[in-house]
Amino acid sequence: MILYLLLGSSCALLSQAPPPAPAHQLASDAELFFLKGEYQDALSEFQREYETALAAEDRNQALYGLACTQIITARTDRELAEGIVNLQKWDEEKGTGPFQENRRLLVLAMKQQGEVLVKRNREQQRQGNRKDRLIANQKEQIAQLTVTIEMLQKQLEELEAIDENFQVKRKTL
């Protein structure tokens, strides 16, 4: 009988649904926009959440999302710096409490900016290589022109010497 009760009670525990996730773990509309790649909508929604949040924790979570969205959408150094400043502000306001925000947002933002930096670095390297080739070509042209100038100066000196000899012979006649 006891065995039957133990088996029956353990089966009942397995069939129970897990408790719902705490409210702070549910994805907000802004997070869903972000995860779907709809960054302008996410930016607007995080901004609205940040401005209307009543609780400091909610406000700080919105600031985190806002910072991540600013980072992922940054196209200039200034925009990236603004997102980083907001991320630092979020970190300061978070204090020592546990990290409850969606880490995926920051990971995606950093991945995107990493790809942007790699592309920018490649383009700068290409431009640098093009400039180096241009400089090398111009140095070669300068060297060739220098040789041509020296040759022309030598020819001019020879012509002046011939002219001088001709003038001397002409005066003697």
N, C-alpha and C. Protein backbone atom coordinates (compact mmCIF):
# COMPACT_ATOMS: atom_id res chain seq x y z
N MET A 1 0.81 -1.18 0.00
CA MET A 1 0.00 0.00 0.00
C MET A 1 0.86 1.26 0.00
N ILE A 2 1.87 1.29 0.83
CA ILE A 2 2.77 2.44 0.89
C ILE A 2 3.48 2.62 -0.46
N LEU A 3 3.88 1.51 -1.03
CA LEU A 3 4.53 1.57 -2.34
C LEU A 3 3.59 2.16 -3.38
N TYR A 4 2.33 1.78 -3.32
CA TYR A 4 1.34 2.31 -4.25
C TYR A 4 1.19 3.82 -4.08
N LEU A 5 1.15 4.30 -2.85
CA LEU A 5 1.02 5.74 -2.58
C LEU A 5 2.25 6.50 -3.06
N LEU A 6 3.43 5.94 -2.83
CA LEU A 6 4.66 6.60 -3.28
C LEU A 6 4.70 6.70 -4.80
N LEU A 7 4.36 5.61 -5.47
CA LEU A 7 4.36 5.62 -6.93
C LEU A 7 3.30 6.59 -7.45
N GLY A 8 2.17 6.58 -6.84
CA GLY A 8 1.08 7.47 -7.27
C GLY A 8 1.42 8.93 -7.04
N SER A 9 2.07 9.23 -5.94
CA SER A 9 2.39 10.63 -5.66
C SER A 9 3.53 11.12 -6.56
N SER A 10 4.48 10.26 -6.90
CA SER A 10 5.58 10.71 -7.76
C SER A 10 5.09 10.94 -9.18
N CYS A 11 4.11 10.17 -9.63
CA CYS A 11 3.56 10.38 -10.98
C CYS A 11 2.81 11.69 -11.04
N ALA A 12 2.13 12.00 -9.96
CA ALA A 12 1.35 13.23 -9.95
C ALA A 12 2.28 14.43 -10.06
N LEU A 13 3.45 14.38 -9.44
CA LEU A 13 4.39 15.49 -9.51
C LEU A 13 4.93 15.67 -10.92
N LEU A 14 5.13 14.58 -11.63
CA LEU A 14 5.66 14.68 -12.98
C LEU A 14 4.65 15.28 -13.94
N SER A 15 3.37 15.09 -13.68
CA SER A 15 2.36 15.57 -14.61
C SER A 15 2.00 17.04 -14.38
N GLN A 16 2.47 17.64 -13.30
CA GLN A 16 2.15 19.04 -13.04
C GLN A 16 2.92 19.94 -14.00
N ALA A 17 2.28 21.01 -14.41
CA ALA A 17 2.94 21.99 -15.29
C ALA A 17 3.93 22.81 -14.46
N PRO A 18 5.03 23.22 -15.08
CA PRO A 18 5.99 24.04 -14.33
C PRO A 18 5.37 25.39 -14.00
N PRO A 19 5.83 25.99 -12.92
CA PRO A 19 5.27 27.29 -12.54
C PRO A 19 5.62 28.33 -13.61
N PRO A 20 4.77 29.32 -13.77
CA PRO A 20 5.06 30.36 -14.77
C PRO A 20 6.33 31.12 -14.41
N ALA A 21 6.99 31.60 -15.42
CA ALA A 21 8.23 32.35 -15.20
C ALA A 21 7.89 33.66 -14.50
N PRO A 22 8.81 34.14 -13.67
CA PRO A 22 8.58 35.43 -13.02
C PRO A 22 8.41 36.52 -14.09
N ALA A 23 7.72 37.58 -13.71
CA ALA A 23 7.39 38.64 -14.67
C ALA A 23 8.64 39.22 -15.33
N HIS A 24 9.74 39.36 -14.60
CA HIS A 24 10.94 39.97 -15.17
C HIS A 24 11.60 39.09 -16.23
N GLN A 25 11.21 37.81 -16.30
CA GLN A 25 11.81 36.92 -17.29
C GLN A 25 10.99 36.85 -18.58
N LEU A 26 9.76 37.35 -18.56
CA LEU A 26 8.94 37.33 -19.76
C LEU A 26 9.44 38.40 -20.72
N ALA A 27 9.50 38.04 -21.99
CA ALA A 27 10.00 38.99 -22.98
C ALA A 27 8.97 40.10 -23.19
N SER A 28 9.44 41.32 -23.16
CA SER A 28 8.55 42.45 -23.42
C SER A 28 8.37 42.59 -24.93
N ASP A 29 7.42 43.43 -25.32
CA ASP A 29 7.21 43.69 -26.74
C ASP A 29 8.50 44.22 -27.37
N ALA A 30 9.18 45.09 -26.63
CA ALA A 30 10.42 45.67 -27.14
C ALA A 30 11.46 44.59 -27.40
N GLU A 31 11.59 43.64 -26.47
CA GLU A 31 12.55 42.54 -26.66
C GLU A 31 12.17 41.70 -27.87
N LEU A 32 10.88 41.45 -28.03
CA LEU A 32 10.43 40.67 -29.19
C LEU A 32 10.75 41.39 -30.49
N PHE A 33 10.51 42.71 -30.53
CA PHE A 33 10.88 43.48 -31.71
C PHE A 33 12.38 43.34 -31.98
N PHE A 34 13.16 43.47 -30.91
CA PHE A 34 14.62 43.38 -31.04
C PHE A 34 15.03 42.02 -31.61
N LEU A 35 14.50 40.96 -31.02
CA LEU A 35 14.88 39.60 -31.43
C LEU A 35 14.42 39.28 -32.85
N LYS A 36 13.37 39.96 -33.33
CA LYS A 36 12.91 39.77 -34.70
C LYS A 36 13.68 40.66 -35.68
N GLY A 37 14.57 41.50 -35.15
CA GLY A 37 15.35 42.39 -36.02
C GLY A 37 14.63 43.67 -36.37
N GLU A 38 13.55 43.97 -35.69
CA GLU A 38 12.79 45.20 -35.93
C GLU A 38 13.29 46.26 -34.95
N TYR A 39 14.50 46.75 -35.24
CA TYR A 39 15.22 47.57 -34.27
C TYR A 39 14.61 48.95 -34.04
N GLN A 40 14.04 49.55 -35.07
CA GLN A 40 13.43 50.87 -34.87
C GLN A 40 12.20 50.76 -33.96
N ASP A 41 11.42 49.70 -34.16
CA ASP A 41 10.27 49.48 -33.27
C ASP A 41 10.75 49.17 -31.85
N ALA A 42 11.81 48.38 -31.74
CA ALA A 42 12.37 48.05 -30.43
C ALA A 42 12.87 49.31 -29.74
N LEU A 43 13.56 50.16 -30.50
CA LEU A 43 14.09 51.40 -29.94
C LEU A 43 12.95 52.27 -29.40
N SER A 44 11.90 52.42 -30.19
CA SER A 44 10.75 53.22 -29.75
C SER A 44 10.10 52.62 -28.50
N GLU A 45 9.94 51.31 -28.50
CA GLU A 45 9.28 50.64 -27.37
C GLU A 45 10.13 50.70 -26.10
N PHE A 46 11.43 50.45 -26.22
CA PHE A 46 12.31 50.55 -25.04
C PHE A 46 12.31 51.99 -24.51
N GLN A 47 12.33 52.95 -25.42
CA GLN A 47 12.31 54.36 -25.00
C GLN A 47 11.01 54.66 -24.25
N ARG A 48 9.88 54.17 -24.77
CA ARG A 48 8.59 54.38 -24.11
C ARG A 48 8.58 53.71 -22.73
N GLU A 49 9.08 52.46 -22.68
CA GLU A 49 9.13 51.74 -21.40
C GLU A 49 10.02 52.48 -20.40
N TYR A 50 11.13 53.00 -20.88
CA TYR A 50 12.06 53.71 -20.01
C TYR A 50 11.40 54.97 -19.44
N GLU A 51 10.68 55.69 -20.28
CA GLU A 51 10.07 56.95 -19.85
C GLU A 51 8.84 56.75 -18.97
N THR A 52 8.15 55.60 -19.11
CA THR A 52 6.90 55.41 -18.37
C THR A 52 7.02 54.42 -17.21
N ALA A 53 8.16 53.78 -17.05
CA ALA A 53 8.31 52.77 -15.99
C ALA A 53 8.15 53.42 -14.62
N LEU A 54 7.38 52.75 -13.78
CA LEU A 54 7.17 53.25 -12.43
C LEU A 54 8.23 52.70 -11.47
N ALA A 55 8.59 51.45 -11.65
CA ALA A 55 9.57 50.82 -10.77
C ALA A 55 10.98 51.03 -11.32
N ALA A 56 11.92 51.24 -10.41
CA ALA A 56 13.32 51.46 -10.81
C ALA A 56 13.87 50.26 -11.58
N GLU A 57 13.48 49.05 -11.17
CA GLU A 57 13.96 47.85 -11.85
C GLU A 57 13.46 47.80 -13.29
N ASP A 58 12.19 48.14 -13.49
CA ASP A 58 11.63 48.16 -14.85
C ASP A 58 12.30 49.23 -15.71
N ARG A 59 12.53 50.36 -15.10
CA ARG A 59 13.19 51.46 -15.81
C ARG A 59 14.61 51.04 -16.22
N ASN A 60 15.29 50.38 -15.33
CA ASN A 60 16.67 49.96 -15.62
C ASN A 60 16.70 48.86 -16.68
N GLN A 61 15.72 47.95 -16.65
CA GLN A 61 15.66 46.93 -17.70
C GLN A 61 15.38 47.56 -19.06
N ALA A 62 14.54 48.58 -19.08
CA ALA A 62 14.27 49.29 -20.33
C ALA A 62 15.53 50.03 -20.81
N LEU A 63 16.29 50.58 -19.87
CA LEU A 63 17.55 51.25 -20.22
C LEU A 63 18.53 50.26 -20.83
N TYR A 64 18.59 49.07 -20.27
CA TYR A 64 19.45 48.01 -20.82
C TYR A 64 19.05 47.70 -22.26
N GLY A 65 17.75 47.50 -22.48
CA GLY A 65 17.27 47.21 -23.83
C GLY A 65 17.52 48.36 -24.78
N LEU A 66 17.33 49.57 -24.29
CA LEU A 66 17.59 50.76 -25.10
C LEU A 66 19.06 50.82 -25.49
N ALA A 67 19.94 50.56 -24.54
CA ALA A 67 21.38 50.59 -24.82
C ALA A 67 21.76 49.52 -25.85
N CYS A 68 21.24 48.32 -25.68
CA CYS A 68 21.55 47.24 -26.63
C CYS A 68 21.04 47.58 -28.02
N THR A 69 19.86 48.18 -28.09
CA THR A 69 19.30 48.56 -29.39
C THR A 69 20.12 49.68 -30.03
N GLN A 70 20.55 50.63 -29.22
CA GLN A 70 21.39 51.71 -29.75
C GLN A 70 22.72 51.15 -30.26
N ILE A 71 23.26 50.18 -29.56
CA ILE A 71 24.53 49.59 -29.98
C ILE A 71 24.36 48.82 -31.29
N ILE A 72 23.31 48.02 -31.39
CA ILE A 72 23.15 47.19 -32.59
C ILE A 72 22.81 48.04 -33.82
N THR A 73 22.17 49.19 -33.62
CA THR A 73 21.79 50.03 -34.76
C THR A 73 22.82 51.11 -35.06
N ALA A 74 23.85 51.23 -34.24
CA ALA A 74 24.84 52.30 -34.41
C ALA A 74 25.54 52.18 -35.76
N ARG A 75 25.57 53.28 -36.48
CA ARG A 75 26.27 53.33 -37.77
C ARG A 75 27.45 54.29 -37.72
N THR A 76 27.51 55.08 -36.65
CA THR A 76 28.63 56.01 -36.49
C THR A 76 29.26 55.78 -35.11
N ASP A 77 30.45 56.29 -34.95
CA ASP A 77 31.12 56.17 -33.65
C ASP A 77 30.33 56.90 -32.57
N ARG A 78 29.72 58.01 -32.93
CA ARG A 78 28.94 58.79 -31.96
C ARG A 78 27.73 57.99 -31.48
N GLU A 79 27.03 57.34 -32.40
CA GLU A 79 25.86 56.53 -32.03
C GLU A 79 26.28 55.36 -31.16
N LEU A 80 27.40 54.73 -31.49
CA LEU A 80 27.90 53.61 -30.69
C LEU A 80 28.26 54.09 -29.29
N ALA A 81 28.91 55.24 -29.21
CA ALA A 81 29.29 55.79 -27.91
C ALA A 81 28.06 56.08 -27.06
N GLU A 82 26.99 56.56 -27.68
CA GLU A 82 25.75 56.84 -26.95
C GLU A 82 25.18 55.56 -26.35
N GLY A 83 25.18 54.48 -27.13
CA GLY A 83 24.70 53.20 -26.62
C GLY A 83 25.56 52.68 -25.48
N ILE A 84 26.87 52.84 -25.62
CA ILE A 84 27.79 52.37 -24.57
C ILE A 84 27.60 53.19 -23.29
N VAL A 85 27.40 54.49 -23.43
CA VAL A 85 27.14 55.34 -22.26
C VAL A 85 25.88 54.86 -21.54
N ASN A 86 24.83 54.55 -22.29
CA ASN A 86 23.60 54.05 -21.67
C ASN A 86 23.81 52.68 -21.02
N LEU A 87 24.65 51.85 -21.62
CA LEU A 87 24.96 50.55 -21.02
C LEU A 87 25.72 50.74 -19.70
N GLN A 88 26.64 51.69 -19.68
CA GLN A 88 27.36 51.99 -18.44
C GLN A 88 26.41 52.55 -17.38
N LYS A 89 25.48 53.40 -17.82
CA LYS A 89 24.48 53.95 -16.89
C LYS A 89 23.63 52.83 -16.32
N TRP A 90 23.22 51.90 -17.19
CA TRP A 90 22.44 50.74 -16.73
C TRP A 90 23.24 49.98 -15.68
N ASP A 91 24.52 49.73 -15.94
CA ASP A 91 25.36 48.96 -15.02
C ASP A 91 25.48 49.67 -13.67
N GLU A 92 25.64 50.98 -13.71
CA GLU A 92 25.74 51.75 -12.46
C GLU A 92 24.43 51.67 -11.67
N GLU A 93 23.31 51.80 -12.37
CA GLU A 93 22.02 51.79 -11.69
C GLU A 93 21.60 50.40 -11.24
N LYS A 94 22.13 49.37 -11.92
CA LYS A 94 21.81 47.99 -11.56
C LYS A 94 22.33 47.67 -10.17
N GLY A 95 23.45 48.25 -9.83
CA GLY A 95 24.06 47.98 -8.54
C GLY A 95 24.61 46.56 -8.48
N THR A 96 24.47 45.94 -7.33
CA THR A 96 25.04 44.60 -7.16
C THR A 96 23.99 43.51 -7.33
N GLY A 97 22.80 43.89 -7.74
CA GLY A 97 21.74 42.91 -7.93
C GLY A 97 22.08 41.93 -9.04
N PRO A 98 21.40 40.79 -9.05
CA PRO A 98 21.68 39.80 -10.10
C PRO A 98 21.29 40.31 -11.48
N PHE A 99 21.96 39.80 -12.46
CA PHE A 99 21.72 40.17 -13.87
C PHE A 99 20.44 39.48 -14.31
N GLN A 100 19.37 40.24 -14.50
CA GLN A 100 18.08 39.65 -14.86
C GLN A 100 17.69 39.96 -16.30
N GLU A 101 18.40 40.85 -16.93
CA GLU A 101 18.06 41.23 -18.30
C GLU A 101 18.40 40.11 -19.28
N ASN A 102 17.85 40.21 -20.46
CA ASN A 102 18.06 39.21 -21.50
C ASN A 102 19.47 39.37 -22.09
N ARG A 103 20.34 38.44 -21.75
CA ARG A 103 21.73 38.50 -22.22
C ARG A 103 21.83 38.45 -23.74
N ARG A 104 20.86 37.81 -24.35
CA ARG A 104 20.88 37.64 -25.82
C ARG A 104 20.90 38.99 -26.53
N LEU A 105 20.25 39.99 -25.95
CA LEU A 105 20.23 41.32 -26.57
C LEU A 105 21.65 41.87 -26.68
N LEU A 106 22.39 41.79 -25.60
CA LEU A 106 23.75 42.32 -25.60
C LEU A 106 24.66 41.49 -26.49
N VAL A 107 24.49 40.18 -26.48
CA VAL A 107 25.30 39.31 -27.33
C VAL A 107 25.07 39.64 -28.80
N LEU A 108 23.81 39.79 -29.19
CA LEU A 108 23.50 40.14 -30.59
C LEU A 108 24.06 41.50 -30.96
N ALA A 109 23.94 42.46 -30.05
CA ALA A 109 24.45 43.81 -30.32
C ALA A 109 25.97 43.78 -30.49
N MET A 110 26.65 43.05 -29.61
CA MET A 110 28.12 42.97 -29.71
C MET A 110 28.54 42.23 -30.97
N LYS A 111 27.81 41.19 -31.32
CA LYS A 111 28.12 40.43 -32.54
C LYS A 111 27.99 41.34 -33.76
N GLN A 112 26.89 42.09 -33.81
CA GLN A 112 26.65 43.00 -34.94
C GLN A 112 27.76 44.04 -35.03
N GLN A 113 28.11 44.65 -33.91
CA GLN A 113 29.15 45.67 -33.94
C GLN A 113 30.51 45.07 -34.25
N GLY A 114 30.73 43.83 -33.81
CA GLY A 114 31.98 43.14 -34.18
C GLY A 114 32.08 42.97 -35.68
N GLU A 115 30.97 42.59 -36.31
CA GLU A 115 30.96 42.43 -37.76
C GLU A 115 31.18 43.78 -38.46
N VAL A 116 30.57 44.82 -37.92
CA VAL A 116 30.75 46.16 -38.49
C VAL A 116 32.22 46.57 -38.39
N LEU A 117 32.82 46.32 -37.23
CA LEU A 117 34.23 46.68 -37.05
C LEU A 117 35.14 45.89 -37.98
N VAL A 118 34.84 44.61 -38.18
CA VAL A 118 35.65 43.80 -39.10
C VAL A 118 35.53 44.35 -40.51
N LYS A 119 34.30 44.67 -40.94
CA LYS A 119 34.11 45.24 -42.29
C LYS A 119 34.84 46.58 -42.42
N ARG A 120 34.69 47.41 -41.39
CA ARG A 120 35.35 48.72 -41.42
C ARG A 120 36.87 48.56 -41.48
N ASN A 121 37.38 47.61 -40.71
CA ASN A 121 38.82 47.36 -40.71
C ASN A 121 39.30 46.87 -42.08
N ARG A 122 38.53 45.96 -42.68
CA ARG A 122 38.88 45.47 -44.03
C ARG A 122 38.90 46.62 -45.04
N GLU A 123 37.88 47.47 -44.96
CA GLU A 123 37.81 48.60 -45.90
C GLU A 123 38.98 49.56 -45.68
N GLN A 124 39.33 49.80 -44.43
CA GLN A 124 40.47 50.66 -44.14
C GLN A 124 41.76 50.04 -44.66
N GLN A 125 41.88 48.71 -44.53
CA GLN A 125 43.06 48.04 -45.06
C GLN A 125 43.11 48.15 -46.58
N ARG A 126 41.96 47.96 -47.24
CA ARG A 126 41.91 48.10 -48.70
C ARG A 126 42.29 49.51 -49.12
N GLN A 127 41.74 50.50 -48.42
CA GLN A 127 42.08 51.88 -48.74
C GLN A 127 43.55 52.15 -48.49
N GLY A 128 44.07 51.61 -47.41
CA GLY A 128 45.50 51.77 -47.11
C GLY A 128 46.36 51.13 -48.19
N ASN A 129 45.96 49.94 -48.62
CA ASN A 129 46.71 49.26 -49.69
C ASN A 129 46.64 50.05 -50.99
N ARG A 130 45.45 50.59 -51.31
CA ARG A 130 45.32 51.42 -52.52
C ARG A 130 46.21 52.65 -52.43
N LYS A 131 46.22 53.28 -51.27
CA LYS A 131 47.06 54.47 -51.08
C LYS A 131 48.53 54.10 -51.19
N ASP A 132 48.91 52.96 -50.60
CA ASP A 132 50.31 52.52 -50.70
C ASP A 132 50.70 52.28 -52.15
N ARG A 133 49.81 51.64 -52.92
CA ARG A 133 50.10 51.41 -54.35
C ARG A 133 50.20 52.72 -55.10
N LEU A 134 49.30 53.65 -54.80
CA LEU A 134 49.32 54.96 -55.45
C LEU A 134 50.63 55.69 -55.13
N ILE A 135 51.02 55.65 -53.87
CA ILE A 135 52.28 56.30 -53.46
C ILE A 135 53.46 55.65 -54.17
N ALA A 136 53.47 54.32 -54.24
CA ALA A 136 54.57 53.62 -54.92
C ALA A 136 54.61 54.00 -56.39
N ASN A 137 53.43 54.06 -57.04
CA ASN A 137 53.38 54.47 -58.45
C ASN A 137 53.86 55.90 -58.63
N GLN A 138 53.46 56.78 -57.73
CA GLN A 138 53.88 58.17 -57.83
C GLN A 138 55.38 58.31 -57.59
N LYS A 139 55.92 57.53 -56.67
CA LYS A 139 57.38 57.56 -56.44
C LYS A 139 58.11 57.09 -57.69
N GLU A 140 57.58 56.06 -58.33
CA GLU A 140 58.18 55.56 -59.57
C GLU A 140 58.12 56.62 -60.66
N GLN A 141 56.98 57.29 -60.77
CA GLN A 141 56.85 58.36 -61.76
C GLN A 141 57.82 59.50 -61.47
N ILE A 142 57.95 59.84 -60.20
CA ILE A 142 58.89 60.90 -59.80
C ILE A 142 60.31 60.50 -60.17
N ALA A 143 60.66 59.24 -59.90
CA ALA A 143 62.00 58.76 -60.24
C ALA A 143 62.23 58.84 -61.75
N GLN A 144 61.23 58.42 -62.53
CA GLN A 144 61.35 58.49 -64.00
C GLN A 144 61.46 59.94 -64.47
N LEU A 145 60.66 60.82 -63.89
CA LEU A 145 60.73 62.23 -64.26
C LEU A 145 62.07 62.84 -63.87
N THR A 146 62.61 62.43 -62.74
CA THR A 146 63.92 62.92 -62.31
C THR A 146 64.98 62.52 -63.33
N VAL A 147 64.94 61.27 -63.78
CA VAL A 147 65.89 60.79 -64.79
C VAL A 147 65.71 61.59 -66.08
N THR A 148 64.47 61.82 -66.48
CA THR A 148 64.19 62.59 -67.70
C THR A 148 64.70 64.02 -67.57
N ILE A 149 64.47 64.64 -66.43
CA ILE A 149 64.94 66.01 -66.20
C ILE A 149 66.46 66.06 -66.27
N GLU A 150 67.14 65.10 -65.62
CA GLU A 150 68.61 65.08 -65.66
C GLU A 150 69.11 64.90 -67.09
N MET A 151 68.45 64.04 -67.86
CA MET A 151 68.84 63.81 -69.25
C MET A 151 68.62 65.09 -70.08
N LEU A 152 67.48 65.76 -69.86
CA LEU A 152 67.20 66.99 -70.59
C LEU A 152 68.17 68.10 -70.20
N GLN A 153 68.54 68.16 -68.91
CA GLN A 153 69.51 69.16 -68.49
C GLN A 153 70.87 68.92 -69.16
N LYS A 154 71.25 67.65 -69.26
CA LYS A 154 72.52 67.31 -69.91
C LYS A 154 72.46 67.68 -71.39
N GLN A 155 71.33 67.39 -72.05
CA GLN A 155 71.18 67.74 -73.46
C GLN A 155 71.20 69.25 -73.65
N LEU A 156 70.56 69.97 -72.73
CA LEU A 156 70.55 71.43 -72.80
C LEU A 156 71.97 71.98 -72.66
N GLU A 157 72.73 71.42 -71.73
CA GLU A 157 74.12 71.85 -71.56
C GLU A 157 74.93 71.58 -72.82
N GLU A 158 74.69 70.43 -73.45
CA GLU A 158 75.40 70.10 -74.69
C GLU A 158 75.01 71.07 -75.80
N LEU A 159 73.71 71.37 -75.89
CA LEU A 159 73.25 72.32 -76.92
C LEU A 159 73.81 73.71 -76.67
N GLU A 160 73.87 74.11 -75.42
CA GLU A 160 74.45 75.42 -75.10
C GLU A 160 75.93 75.45 -75.47
N ALA A 161 76.62 74.34 -75.24
CA ALA A 161 78.04 74.28 -75.61
C ALA A 161 78.20 74.35 -77.12
N ILE A 162 77.35 73.65 -77.84
CA ILE A 162 77.40 73.69 -79.31
C ILE A 162 77.10 75.10 -79.80
N ASP A 163 76.09 75.74 -79.20
CA ASP A 163 75.72 77.10 -79.59
C ASP A 163 76.87 78.06 -79.31
N GLU A 164 77.50 77.87 -78.18
CA GLU A 164 78.63 78.74 -77.83
C GLU A 164 79.76 78.56 -78.84
N ASN A 165 80.06 77.32 -79.19
CA ASN A 165 81.10 77.07 -80.20
C ASN A 165 80.69 77.69 -81.54
N PHE A 166 79.44 77.58 -81.88
CA PHE A 166 78.97 78.15 -83.14
C PHE A 166 79.10 79.67 -83.12
N GLN A 167 78.74 80.28 -81.98
CA GLN A 167 78.84 81.73 -81.86
C GLN A 167 80.30 82.18 -81.97
N VAL A 168 81.20 81.42 -81.36
CA VAL A 168 82.63 81.76 -81.42
C VAL A 168 83.11 81.66 -82.87
N LYS A 169 82.76 80.61 -83.57
CA LYS A 169 83.18 80.44 -84.96
C LYS A 169 82.56 81.52 -85.84
N ARG A 170 81.38 81.91 -85.56
CA ARG A 170 80.70 82.92 -86.35
C ARG A 170 81.36 84.28 -86.18
N LYS A 171 81.79 84.59 -84.97
CA LYS A 171 82.46 85.86 -84.71
C LYS A 171 83.81 85.91 -85.41
N THR A 172 84.44 84.78 -85.48
CA THR A 172 85.75 84.75 -86.13
C THR A 172 85.63 84.87 -87.64
N LEU A 173 84.56 84.62 -88.17
CA LEU A 173 84.37 84.75 -89.62
C LEU A 173 84.02 86.13 -89.94
